[in-house]
Amino acid sequence: MHTVAVIALDGVIPFDLSTPIEVFSRTRLPGGRAAYRVRVCAASAEVDAGAFTLRAPWPLAALADADTIIVPGTADPTAPVPEEVLDALREAAGRGTRIASVCVGAFVLAATGLLDGLRATTHWSAADLLAALHPAVEVDPGVLYVDNGHLLTSAGAAAGLDLCLHMIRRDLGSAVAADAARLSVMPLERDGGQAQFIVHDQPPAPRGSVLEPLMRWMEDNARRELTLDEIARRSGMSVRTLNRRFREQTGTSPLQWLHRARIRQAQHLLETTAHPVERIAAQVGFGSPTAFRERFKRLTGTSPHAYRRTFRTQQAP
């Protein structure tokens, strides 16, 4: 039987810990037999889980005969990881054991060096920190999970469930995975990725800078077909100077900033109105619904219709 070992570190996030335990424990083969044996392992006798303290029934040595190891996130992803845990993970990887992280558990995997040179993900709010602390890791904040074969990482919270279902499908096929998804009241595959949940704040201009009133004007006039020449005339600068100032102060170009402002306005309309997508495209300044859909998916990772299904907050008046 396939053995799944879940590591409980001090500060473990209970949701991250319980997700693989529940999903793998409840997975059944077509004849009704359990598909996985689940073990919770720890390096110490007691583990601080924030709201409670837990006792793991298996020591760290139990990782040695695991087929899959799951590393849940911890409350402080920058906290030092016990060297014995890092060594155990490196040894398991050397044996070919599959290792997966949930949420900010990716910080633990990155600390082993196993993710160096690989693509990985984590909770979108911690992605920049992971990239800064571990520059050798290619951090992708826009996806629900990344599968590198024997090393897998998932985004925050419920994305750990997506990853578990993905591994079950890899191990046992779509039929068993679909049954596990139904038990979890979860689609086997979700629309879009983590990008649709990211709050895309506009890059700010320094207070009092020449760009601050220009940006307000651009947002107020986003529904118009603004051109770079018109924006430059409004700013009183040449196109070349405007581009340079925008790059210096926001890290992006005027038109890219404008497109992002339009998409943020579109997200608000999708969440709070019943307006058709074609009408919203025109309201936020896109020349055609097709251009709007393409730009929306490029930024959020999902379609306007799928975004509305996920985030609609109220019925339109």
Protein backbone atom coordinates (compact mmCIF):
# COMPACT_ATOMS: atom_id res chain seq x y z
CA MET A 1 0.00 0.00 0.00
CA HIS A 2 1.19 3.50 -0.83
CA THR A 3 2.35 5.28 2.34
CA VAL A 4 1.86 9.04 2.69
CA ALA A 5 3.84 10.72 5.47
CA VAL A 6 2.74 14.20 6.56
CA ILE A 7 5.35 16.21 8.50
CA ALA A 8 4.12 18.28 11.45
CA LEU A 9 6.54 21.09 12.26
CA ASP A 10 6.19 23.59 15.10
CA GLY A 11 3.78 26.31 14.01
CA VAL A 12 2.11 24.00 11.48
CA ILE A 13 -1.03 25.46 9.90
CA PRO A 14 -3.85 23.06 10.91
CA PHE A 15 -5.68 23.43 7.58
CA ASP A 16 -2.55 22.51 5.62
CA LEU A 17 -1.93 19.54 7.91
CA SER A 18 -5.47 18.18 7.82
CA THR A 19 -6.08 18.46 4.07
CA PRO A 20 -3.74 15.65 2.93
CA ILE A 21 -4.67 13.54 5.97
CA GLU A 22 -8.37 13.68 5.11
CA VAL A 23 -8.08 13.37 1.33
CA PHE A 24 -5.64 10.45 1.24
CA SER A 25 -7.24 8.63 4.21
CA ARG A 26 -10.67 8.64 2.57
CA THR A 27 -9.54 7.60 -0.92
CA ARG A 28 -10.81 4.15 -1.87
CA LEU A 29 -9.95 1.72 -4.65
CA PRO A 30 -12.77 0.36 -6.86
CA GLY A 31 -13.25 -2.63 -4.55
CA GLY A 32 -13.59 -0.42 -1.50
CA ARG A 33 -10.12 -0.95 -0.01
CA ALA A 34 -8.15 1.99 1.31
CA ALA A 35 -5.75 3.31 -1.33
CA TYR A 36 -3.27 4.98 1.02
CA ARG A 37 -1.74 4.54 4.44
CA VAL A 38 -1.30 7.95 6.12
CA ARG A 39 1.23 8.71 8.84
CA VAL A 40 1.74 11.98 10.70
CA CYS A 41 5.42 12.37 11.58
CA ALA A 42 7.29 14.90 13.70
CA ALA A 43 10.80 15.60 14.91
CA SER A 44 9.65 16.24 18.48
CA ALA A 45 7.27 14.64 20.95
CA GLU A 46 4.87 17.59 20.89
CA VAL A 47 4.11 20.03 18.09
CA ASP A 48 2.76 23.54 18.57
CA ALA A 49 -0.12 24.00 16.12
CA GLY A 50 -1.18 27.42 17.36
CA ALA A 51 -4.67 26.85 18.75
CA PHE A 52 -3.68 23.42 20.09
CA THR A 53 -0.75 21.09 20.70
CA LEU A 54 -0.55 17.74 18.94
CA ARG A 55 1.37 14.52 19.44
CA ALA A 56 2.43 12.88 16.20
CA PRO A 57 2.26 9.06 16.39
CA TRP A 58 5.28 8.58 14.13
CA PRO A 59 8.86 9.86 14.50
CA LEU A 60 10.82 11.50 11.72
CA ALA A 61 12.48 8.15 11.01
CA ALA A 62 9.16 6.96 9.53
CA LEU A 63 9.87 9.07 6.46
CA ALA A 64 12.39 6.45 5.41
CA ASP A 65 9.78 4.04 4.02
CA ALA A 66 7.22 6.60 2.82
CA ASP A 67 6.25 6.70 -0.84
CA THR A 68 5.03 10.30 -0.62
CA ILE A 69 5.98 13.01 1.88
CA ILE A 70 3.77 16.07 2.40
CA VAL A 71 5.19 19.26 3.94
CA PRO A 72 2.41 21.56 5.25
CA GLY A 73 2.96 25.28 5.75
CA THR A 74 3.83 26.92 9.04
CA ALA A 75 2.67 30.18 10.60
CA ASP A 76 6.12 31.72 10.14
CA PRO A 77 7.56 30.46 6.84
CA THR A 78 10.89 32.17 7.59
CA ALA A 79 11.42 30.33 10.88
CA PRO A 80 14.53 28.08 10.92
CA VAL A 81 13.79 24.47 10.00
CA PRO A 82 15.45 21.78 12.16
CA GLU A 83 18.48 20.44 10.32
CA GLU A 84 17.33 16.87 10.89
CA VAL A 85 14.14 17.65 8.95
CA LEU A 86 16.10 19.14 6.05
CA ASP A 87 18.45 16.16 6.02
CA ALA A 88 15.55 13.70 6.08
CA LEU A 89 13.92 15.44 3.10
CA ARG A 90 17.18 15.48 1.13
CA GLU A 91 17.72 11.78 1.83
CA ALA A 92 14.15 10.97 0.79
CA ALA A 93 14.58 12.91 -2.45
CA GLY A 94 17.78 10.98 -3.09
CA ARG A 95 15.80 7.73 -2.81
CA GLY A 96 13.26 9.00 -5.35
CA THR A 97 10.48 9.61 -2.83
CA ARG A 98 7.78 11.99 -4.03
CA ILE A 99 7.75 15.16 -1.91
CA ALA A 100 5.02 17.80 -2.04
CA SER A 101 4.44 21.03 -0.15
CA VAL A 102 1.19 22.75 0.78
CA CYS A 103 1.05 26.55 0.78
CA VAL A 104 4.14 28.08 2.46
CA GLY A 105 5.51 24.60 3.04
CA ALA A 106 7.41 25.47 -0.15
CA PHE A 107 9.77 27.51 2.05
CA VAL A 108 10.83 24.29 3.80
CA LEU A 109 11.46 22.54 0.48
CA ALA A 110 13.38 25.56 -0.78
CA ALA A 111 15.55 25.52 2.36
CA THR A 112 16.73 22.01 1.43
CA GLY A 113 18.00 23.27 -1.94
CA LEU A 114 15.85 20.69 -3.73
CA LEU A 115 13.87 23.36 -5.59
CA ASP A 116 16.93 25.16 -6.97
CA GLY A 117 16.58 25.56 -10.72
CA LEU A 118 12.97 24.37 -10.65
CA ARG A 119 9.63 26.09 -11.04
CA ALA A 120 7.59 26.23 -7.83
CA THR A 121 4.61 28.02 -6.30
CA THR A 122 3.30 29.04 -2.90
CA HIS A 123 0.56 31.28 -1.52
CA TRP A 124 0.45 34.37 -3.74
CA SER A 125 0.98 36.72 -0.79
CA ALA A 126 4.26 34.95 0.08
CA ALA A 127 5.57 34.48 -3.47
CA ASP A 128 7.75 37.59 -3.52
CA LEU A 129 9.31 36.62 -0.20
CA LEU A 130 10.05 33.08 -1.41
CA ALA A 131 11.68 34.47 -4.55
CA ALA A 132 13.75 36.94 -2.52
CA LEU A 133 14.97 34.35 0.00
CA HIS A 134 15.60 31.65 -2.60
CA PRO A 135 16.55 33.33 -5.90
CA ALA A 136 17.55 30.00 -7.45
CA VAL A 137 13.89 28.93 -7.40
CA GLU A 138 11.63 30.02 -10.28
CA VAL A 139 8.56 31.17 -8.35
CA ASP A 140 5.24 31.21 -10.25
CA PRO A 141 2.52 32.87 -8.12
CA GLY A 142 -0.24 32.43 -10.69
CA VAL A 143 -0.88 28.67 -10.58
CA LEU A 144 -2.61 26.30 -8.15
CA TYR A 145 0.24 23.80 -8.14
CA VAL A 146 3.46 22.84 -9.94
CA ASP A 147 4.40 19.22 -10.68
CA ASN A 148 8.10 18.62 -11.30
CA GLY A 149 7.75 14.85 -11.16
CA HIS A 150 9.05 13.92 -7.70
CA LEU A 151 8.88 17.47 -6.32
CA LEU A 152 5.53 19.25 -6.21
CA THR A 153 4.39 22.55 -4.69
CA SER A 154 0.94 24.04 -4.22
CA ALA A 155 -0.50 27.48 -3.61
CA GLY A 156 -2.39 28.54 -0.51
CA ALA A 157 -5.20 26.92 1.44
CA ALA A 158 -7.57 24.98 -0.87
CA ALA A 159 -4.89 24.57 -3.54
CA GLY A 160 -3.44 21.84 -1.33
CA LEU A 161 -6.63 19.92 -2.06
CA ASP A 162 -6.15 20.45 -5.80
CA LEU A 163 -2.63 19.05 -5.48
CA CYS A 164 -3.75 15.99 -3.50
CA LEU A 165 -6.39 15.16 -6.11
CA HIS A 166 -3.78 15.62 -8.84
CA MET A 167 -1.46 13.12 -7.13
CA ILE A 168 -4.31 10.63 -6.66
CA ARG A 169 -5.12 10.86 -10.36
CA ARG A 170 -1.43 10.31 -11.18
CA ASP A 171 -1.32 7.26 -8.91
CA LEU A 172 -4.68 5.61 -9.50
CA GLY A 173 -6.40 7.21 -12.47
CA SER A 174 -9.22 9.67 -13.04
CA ALA A 175 -12.06 7.47 -11.77
CA VAL A 176 -10.58 7.07 -8.28
CA ALA A 177 -9.58 10.74 -8.22
CA ALA A 178 -13.11 11.79 -9.24
CA ASP A 179 -14.55 9.77 -6.35
CA ALA A 180 -12.11 11.46 -3.96
CA ALA A 181 -13.11 14.85 -5.37
CA ARG A 182 -16.80 14.10 -4.83
CA LEU A 183 -16.14 13.16 -1.21
CA SER A 184 -14.37 16.49 -0.79
CA VAL A 185 -17.24 18.34 -2.54
CA MET A 186 -14.61 19.65 -4.93
CA PRO A 187 -14.23 19.67 -8.73
CA LEU A 188 -11.43 17.46 -9.97
CA GLU A 189 -10.11 20.45 -11.91
CA ARG A 190 -10.87 24.07 -11.08
CA ASP A 191 -11.19 26.85 -13.65
CA GLY A 192 -8.19 29.18 -13.77
CA GLY A 193 -5.29 29.31 -11.37
CA GLN A 194 -4.21 31.24 -8.32
CA ALA A 195 -3.83 34.44 -10.36
CA GLN A 196 -7.58 35.14 -10.14
CA PHE A 197 -7.28 35.49 -6.34
CA ILE A 198 -4.35 37.92 -6.38
CA VAL A 199 -5.15 41.50 -5.44
CA HIS A 200 -3.44 43.48 -8.21
CA ASP A 201 -2.73 46.85 -6.65
CA GLN A 202 -1.57 49.51 -9.07
CA PRO A 203 2.13 50.39 -8.71
CA PRO A 204 1.98 53.69 -6.80
CA ALA A 205 3.69 56.89 -7.78
CA PRO A 206 5.64 58.70 -5.07
CA ARG A 207 3.31 61.15 -3.30
CA GLY A 208 3.48 64.58 -4.88
CA SER A 209 5.20 63.34 -8.04
CA VAL A 210 4.18 64.54 -11.49
CA LEU A 211 2.67 61.11 -12.20
CA GLU A 212 0.17 61.11 -9.34
CA PRO A 213 -2.43 63.45 -10.96
CA LEU A 214 -1.77 61.84 -14.35
CA MET A 215 -2.60 58.39 -12.98
CA ARG A 216 -5.82 59.67 -11.44
CA TRP A 217 -6.76 61.17 -14.81
CA MET A 218 -5.94 57.88 -16.58
CA GLU A 219 -8.17 55.91 -14.19
CA ASP A 220 -11.01 58.41 -14.57
CA ASN A 221 -10.73 58.22 -18.37
CA ALA A 222 -9.90 54.52 -18.70
CA ARG A 223 -13.07 53.84 -20.72
CA ARG A 224 -11.83 56.15 -23.48
CA GLU A 225 -9.49 54.95 -26.23
CA LEU A 226 -6.46 56.66 -24.75
CA THR A 227 -3.29 56.66 -26.83
CA LEU A 228 0.27 57.04 -25.64
CA ASP A 229 0.48 60.38 -27.49
CA GLU A 230 -2.61 61.72 -25.69
CA ILE A 231 -1.30 60.57 -22.30
CA ALA A 232 2.04 62.24 -23.03
CA ARG A 233 0.32 65.50 -24.02
CA ARG A 234 -1.72 65.41 -20.80
CA SER A 235 1.47 64.96 -18.79
CA GLY A 236 3.30 67.74 -20.58
CA MET A 237 6.15 65.37 -21.43
CA SER A 238 7.42 63.74 -24.56
CA VAL A 239 6.50 60.10 -25.12
CA ARG A 240 10.10 59.09 -24.47
CA THR A 241 10.29 61.03 -21.19
CA LEU A 242 6.88 59.74 -20.08
CA ASN A 243 7.92 56.12 -20.68
CA ARG A 244 11.15 56.66 -18.75
CA ARG A 245 9.39 58.31 -15.79
CA PHE A 246 6.78 55.55 -15.64
CA ARG A 247 9.46 52.85 -15.66
CA GLU A 248 11.42 54.64 -12.95
CA GLN A 249 8.45 55.24 -10.65
CA THR A 250 6.12 52.27 -11.26
CA GLY A 251 8.23 49.59 -12.93
CA THR A 252 5.88 49.39 -15.90
CA SER A 253 4.85 51.35 -19.01
CA PRO A 254 1.92 53.81 -19.20
CA LEU A 255 -0.17 51.52 -21.42
CA GLN A 256 0.50 48.44 -19.30
CA TRP A 257 -0.53 50.43 -16.23
CA LEU A 258 -3.68 51.56 -18.03
CA HIS A 259 -4.60 47.99 -19.04
CA ARG A 260 -4.23 46.87 -15.44
CA ALA A 261 -6.43 49.73 -14.24
CA ARG A 262 -9.08 48.69 -16.77
CA ILE A 263 -8.96 45.05 -15.64
CA ARG A 264 -9.36 46.08 -12.00
CA GLN A 265 -12.43 48.11 -12.96
CA ALA A 266 -13.76 45.12 -14.92
CA GLN A 267 -13.27 42.82 -11.94
CA HIS A 268 -15.34 45.17 -9.80
CA LEU A 269 -18.15 45.22 -12.39
CA LEU A 270 -18.08 41.42 -12.75
CA GLU A 271 -18.34 41.06 -8.97
CA THR A 272 -21.13 43.57 -8.40
CA THR A 273 -23.28 43.78 -11.56
CA ALA A 274 -25.09 41.53 -13.99
CA HIS A 275 -23.85 43.49 -17.00
CA PRO A 276 -22.95 41.29 -19.99
CA VAL A 277 -19.24 40.83 -20.61
CA GLU A 278 -19.57 42.74 -23.90
CA ARG A 279 -20.97 45.76 -22.07
CA ILE A 280 -18.26 45.62 -19.39
CA ALA A 281 -15.59 45.46 -22.08
CA ALA A 282 -16.89 48.73 -23.51
CA GLN A 283 -17.36 50.30 -20.08
CA VAL A 284 -13.71 49.84 -19.16
CA GLY A 285 -12.29 50.97 -22.48
CA PHE A 286 -11.60 47.88 -24.58
CA GLY A 287 -12.30 48.20 -28.28
CA SER A 288 -13.69 44.68 -28.59
CA PRO A 289 -14.91 41.90 -26.27
CA THR A 290 -12.28 39.59 -27.74
CA ALA A 291 -9.44 41.94 -26.81
CA PHE A 292 -10.95 42.29 -23.33
CA ARG A 293 -11.21 38.54 -22.79
CA GLU A 294 -7.64 37.97 -23.93
CA ARG A 295 -6.22 40.72 -21.70
CA PHE A 296 -8.37 39.62 -18.75
CA LYS A 297 -7.18 36.02 -18.98
CA ARG A 298 -3.56 37.10 -19.41
CA LEU A 299 -3.68 39.05 -16.14
CA THR A 300 -5.98 36.89 -13.99
CA GLY A 301 -5.46 33.41 -15.45
CA THR A 302 -9.17 32.83 -16.00
CA SER A 303 -12.04 34.05 -18.19
CA PRO A 304 -14.44 36.87 -17.25
CA HIS A 305 -17.34 34.39 -16.99
CA ALA A 306 -15.36 32.03 -14.71
CA TYR A 307 -14.23 34.98 -12.59
CA ARG A 308 -17.83 36.12 -12.16
CA ARG A 309 -18.96 32.64 -11.10
CA THR A 310 -16.26 32.59 -8.43
CA PHE A 311 -16.49 36.13 -7.07
CA ARG A 312 -20.02 37.42 -7.72
CA THR A 313 -21.01 39.05 -4.41
CA GLN A 314 -24.60 40.14 -4.92
CA GLN A 315 -27.54 40.05 -7.26
CA ALA A 316 -27.75 43.01 -9.60
CA PRO A 317 -30.53 45.47 -8.76
